[in-house]
Every structure is written in structure tokens, then in C-alpha cells.
Amino acid sequence: MGTLELKNVIAQYMSKADDKVLRIVKAVFETYGQESVDYMVSDEHKKILDERLASHKMNPSAGRSWKEVEGDITANYGV
């Protein structure tokens, strides 16, 4: 069964599912999402992130505030 067929079958199940089943499925997707992130981030990127986090912990005032970042996002992307 291909991806499209699986999605259609699951959609049919979901349309008939009760609250308990929906909560279980939600938990499965959330758990899978957390695990899949680890696979998507390379060891090199994890190292860079760890270094930047350690640097920030040593000197938290050296970074930019959320307000500055948010302003840039709003200005550049209209979000």
C-alpha cells in the first residue's frame, strides 16, 4: 500500500474515531516527531548547536533579545 492509500485509509479511520483514539494517535505523532528531529539534525549541526548554547550560557547578554529577533522577522517576512 502506497503513501497516498495509507493516508486515505487513516483519514477514514480518523473520521470515525472517538476521543480516546484521537488522543492516542496524537501522542504517537508527537512522539514520532520528537524522535525524527534527532535523525534530521546531523552530528555536525548538533555540535554547533551545543557550542552556541554553551557560549550563550557563559555570556547570555551577548546574544540578541527575542524582541529584536521578532522585529526582524516581522520586518522581513510580515509575520
N, C-alpha and C. Protein backbone atom coordinates (compact mmCIF):
# COMPACT_ATOMS: atom_id res chain seq x y z
N MET A 1 0.85 -1.17 0.00
CA MET A 1 0.00 0.00 0.00
C MET A 1 0.90 1.23 0.00
N GLY A 2 0.64 2.15 -0.90
CA GLY A 2 1.45 3.36 -1.01
C GLY A 2 1.05 4.42 0.00
N THR A 3 1.84 5.49 0.03
CA THR A 3 1.62 6.56 0.99
C THR A 3 0.24 7.19 0.86
N LEU A 4 -0.16 7.48 -0.36
CA LEU A 4 -1.46 8.11 -0.58
C LEU A 4 -2.60 7.21 -0.10
N GLU A 5 -2.49 5.93 -0.40
CA GLU A 5 -3.52 4.98 0.04
C GLU A 5 -3.57 4.91 1.57
N LEU A 6 -2.39 4.86 2.20
CA LEU A 6 -2.34 4.82 3.66
C LEU A 6 -2.97 6.07 4.27
N LYS A 7 -2.66 7.23 3.69
CA LYS A 7 -3.24 8.47 4.20
C LYS A 7 -4.76 8.46 4.09
N ASN A 8 -5.26 7.95 2.98
CA ASN A 8 -6.72 7.88 2.80
C ASN A 8 -7.38 6.93 3.79
N VAL A 9 -6.76 5.77 4.01
CA VAL A 9 -7.30 4.80 4.97
C VAL A 9 -7.29 5.40 6.38
N ILE A 10 -6.17 6.04 6.73
CA ILE A 10 -6.07 6.65 8.06
C ILE A 10 -7.09 7.76 8.21
N ALA A 11 -7.29 8.55 7.18
CA ALA A 11 -8.29 9.63 7.22
C ALA A 11 -9.68 9.06 7.46
N GLN A 12 -9.98 7.94 6.85
CA GLN A 12 -11.29 7.30 7.06
C GLN A 12 -11.43 6.85 8.52
N TYR A 13 -10.37 6.24 9.05
CA TYR A 13 -10.39 5.83 10.46
C TYR A 13 -10.57 7.04 11.38
N MET A 14 -9.85 8.09 11.09
CA MET A 14 -9.89 9.28 11.94
C MET A 14 -11.27 9.94 11.94
N SER A 15 -11.95 9.88 10.80
CA SER A 15 -13.27 10.50 10.74
C SER A 15 -14.29 9.77 11.62
N LYS A 16 -13.99 8.50 11.97
CA LYS A 16 -14.90 7.71 12.80
C LYS A 16 -14.37 7.51 14.23
N ALA A 17 -13.18 8.01 14.50
CA ALA A 17 -12.53 7.73 15.79
C ALA A 17 -13.16 8.54 16.92
N ASP A 18 -13.16 7.93 18.10
CA ASP A 18 -13.64 8.64 19.28
C ASP A 18 -12.48 9.41 19.91
N ASP A 19 -12.77 10.14 20.98
CA ASP A 19 -11.79 10.99 21.63
C ASP A 19 -10.57 10.21 22.10
N LYS A 20 -10.78 9.03 22.65
CA LYS A 20 -9.68 8.22 23.17
C LYS A 20 -8.69 7.86 22.06
N VAL A 21 -9.21 7.40 20.93
CA VAL A 21 -8.35 7.02 19.81
C VAL A 21 -7.61 8.24 19.28
N LEU A 22 -8.30 9.36 19.17
CA LEU A 22 -7.66 10.58 18.67
C LEU A 22 -6.50 11.01 19.57
N ARG A 23 -6.68 10.89 20.87
CA ARG A 23 -5.61 11.25 21.81
C ARG A 23 -4.41 10.31 21.67
N ILE A 24 -4.69 9.03 21.45
CA ILE A 24 -3.61 8.06 21.26
C ILE A 24 -2.84 8.38 19.99
N VAL A 25 -3.55 8.63 18.92
CA VAL A 25 -2.91 8.94 17.63
C VAL A 25 -2.09 10.23 17.75
N LYS A 26 -2.65 11.22 18.42
CA LYS A 26 -1.93 12.48 18.64
C LYS A 26 -0.63 12.23 19.37
N ALA A 27 -0.68 11.41 20.43
CA ALA A 27 0.52 11.10 21.20
C ALA A 27 1.56 10.37 20.34
N VAL A 28 1.11 9.48 19.49
CA VAL A 28 2.02 8.75 18.60
C VAL A 28 2.73 9.74 17.67
N PHE A 29 1.96 10.64 17.07
CA PHE A 29 2.57 11.61 16.15
C PHE A 29 3.53 12.55 16.88
N GLU A 30 3.18 12.98 18.08
CA GLU A 30 4.07 13.86 18.83
C GLU A 30 5.36 13.15 19.21
N THR A 31 5.26 11.91 19.61
CA THR A 31 6.44 11.13 19.96
C THR A 31 7.30 10.89 18.74
N TYR A 32 6.68 10.54 17.64
CA TYR A 32 7.43 10.31 16.40
C TYR A 32 8.12 11.59 15.96
N GLY A 33 7.42 12.71 16.08
CA GLY A 33 8.00 13.99 15.69
C GLY A 33 9.24 14.33 16.47
N GLN A 34 9.23 14.04 17.77
CA GLN A 34 10.39 14.33 18.61
C GLN A 34 11.56 13.43 18.24
N GLU A 35 11.29 12.18 17.97
CA GLU A 35 12.36 11.25 17.61
C GLU A 35 12.92 11.57 16.23
N SER A 36 12.04 11.96 15.31
CA SER A 36 12.50 12.20 13.94
C SER A 36 13.40 13.42 13.85
N VAL A 37 13.23 14.39 14.75
CA VAL A 37 14.09 15.57 14.74
C VAL A 37 15.53 15.16 14.97
N ASP A 38 15.77 14.21 15.86
CA ASP A 38 17.13 13.75 16.11
C ASP A 38 17.78 13.18 14.86
N TYR A 39 17.00 12.55 14.02
CA TYR A 39 17.54 11.97 12.81
C TYR A 39 17.80 13.02 11.74
N MET A 40 17.10 14.15 11.82
CA MET A 40 17.24 15.16 10.80
C MET A 40 18.41 16.10 11.08
N VAL A 41 18.88 16.16 12.30
CA VAL A 41 19.98 17.04 12.66
C VAL A 41 21.27 16.23 12.65
N SER A 42 22.20 16.66 11.82
CA SER A 42 23.46 15.93 11.71
C SER A 42 24.30 16.11 12.97
N ASP A 43 25.26 15.23 13.16
CA ASP A 43 26.16 15.34 14.30
C ASP A 43 26.92 16.66 14.28
N GLU A 44 27.27 17.10 13.08
CA GLU A 44 27.98 18.38 12.94
C GLU A 44 27.11 19.54 13.43
N HIS A 45 25.83 19.53 13.02
CA HIS A 45 24.93 20.60 13.45
C HIS A 45 24.65 20.52 14.96
N LYS A 46 24.54 19.31 15.50
CA LYS A 46 24.34 19.16 16.94
C LYS A 46 25.53 19.76 17.69
N LYS A 47 26.75 19.54 17.17
CA LYS A 47 27.94 20.08 17.80
C LYS A 47 27.91 21.61 17.79
N ILE A 48 27.54 22.18 16.65
CA ILE A 48 27.44 23.64 16.53
C ILE A 48 26.41 24.19 17.51
N LEU A 49 25.25 23.54 17.57
CA LEU A 49 24.21 23.99 18.49
C LEU A 49 24.66 23.89 19.94
N ASP A 50 25.33 22.80 20.29
CA ASP A 50 25.84 22.64 21.65
C ASP A 50 26.86 23.73 21.99
N GLU A 51 27.74 24.05 21.04
CA GLU A 51 28.74 25.10 21.26
C GLU A 51 28.07 26.46 21.46
N ARG A 52 27.07 26.74 20.64
CA ARG A 52 26.38 28.03 20.76
C ARG A 52 25.59 28.12 22.06
N LEU A 53 25.00 27.02 22.48
CA LEU A 53 24.27 27.01 23.73
C LEU A 53 25.23 27.24 24.90
N ALA A 54 26.37 26.58 24.88
CA ALA A 54 27.37 26.76 25.93
C ALA A 54 27.87 28.20 25.96
N SER A 55 28.10 28.78 24.79
CA SER A 55 28.54 30.16 24.70
C SER A 55 27.49 31.11 25.27
N HIS A 56 26.24 30.84 24.95
CA HIS A 56 25.15 31.68 25.46
C HIS A 56 25.05 31.57 26.99
N LYS A 57 25.23 30.38 27.50
CA LYS A 57 25.16 30.19 28.95
C LYS A 57 26.29 30.94 29.66
N MET A 58 27.45 31.04 29.00
CA MET A 58 28.59 31.75 29.58
C MET A 58 28.38 33.26 29.55
N ASN A 59 27.70 33.76 28.50
CA ASN A 59 27.52 35.20 28.34
C ASN A 59 26.16 35.48 27.69
N PRO A 60 25.09 35.34 28.46
CA PRO A 60 23.74 35.47 27.89
C PRO A 60 23.44 36.84 27.30
N SER A 61 24.11 37.87 27.75
CA SER A 61 23.81 39.21 27.24
C SER A 61 24.45 39.47 25.88
N ALA A 62 25.29 38.56 25.40
CA ALA A 62 25.96 38.75 24.11
C ALA A 62 25.03 38.52 22.93
N GLY A 63 23.95 37.79 23.14
CA GLY A 63 23.02 37.49 22.05
C GLY A 63 22.00 38.60 21.86
N ARG A 64 21.09 38.37 20.94
CA ARG A 64 20.03 39.32 20.67
C ARG A 64 18.79 38.93 21.47
N SER A 65 18.02 39.93 21.84
CA SER A 65 16.79 39.65 22.58
C SER A 65 15.72 39.13 21.62
N TRP A 66 14.72 38.46 22.20
CA TRP A 66 13.62 37.97 21.39
C TRP A 66 12.92 39.12 20.68
N LYS A 67 12.79 40.26 21.34
CA LYS A 67 12.13 41.42 20.73
C LYS A 67 12.86 41.87 19.47
N GLU A 68 14.20 41.84 19.49
CA GLU A 68 14.97 42.21 18.30
C GLU A 68 14.75 41.20 17.17
N VAL A 69 14.80 39.94 17.52
CA VAL A 69 14.59 38.89 16.51
C VAL A 69 13.17 38.98 15.95
N GLU A 70 12.21 39.14 16.85
CA GLU A 70 10.81 39.24 16.43
C GLU A 70 10.61 40.43 15.50
N GLY A 71 11.24 41.56 15.81
CA GLY A 71 11.15 42.74 14.96
C GLY A 71 11.70 42.48 13.57
N ASP A 72 12.84 41.79 13.50
CA ASP A 72 13.43 41.45 12.20
C ASP A 72 12.52 40.52 11.40
N ILE A 73 11.94 39.54 12.07
CA ILE A 73 11.04 38.59 11.39
C ILE A 73 9.84 39.34 10.84
N THR A 74 9.28 40.22 11.66
CA THR A 74 8.11 40.99 11.23
C THR A 74 8.47 41.89 10.06
N ALA A 75 9.61 42.56 10.14
CA ALA A 75 10.04 43.47 9.08
C ALA A 75 10.35 42.73 7.78
N ASN A 76 11.00 41.59 7.90
CA ASN A 76 11.44 40.87 6.69
C ASN A 76 10.38 39.96 6.08
N TYR A 77 9.51 39.42 6.93
CA TYR A 77 8.56 38.43 6.43
C TYR A 77 7.12 38.78 6.67
N GLY A 78 6.86 39.87 7.35
CA GLY A 78 5.49 40.30 7.60
C GLY A 78 4.71 39.36 8.51
N VAL A 79 5.44 38.61 9.32
CA VAL A 79 4.78 37.66 10.22
C VAL A 79 4.59 38.28 11.58
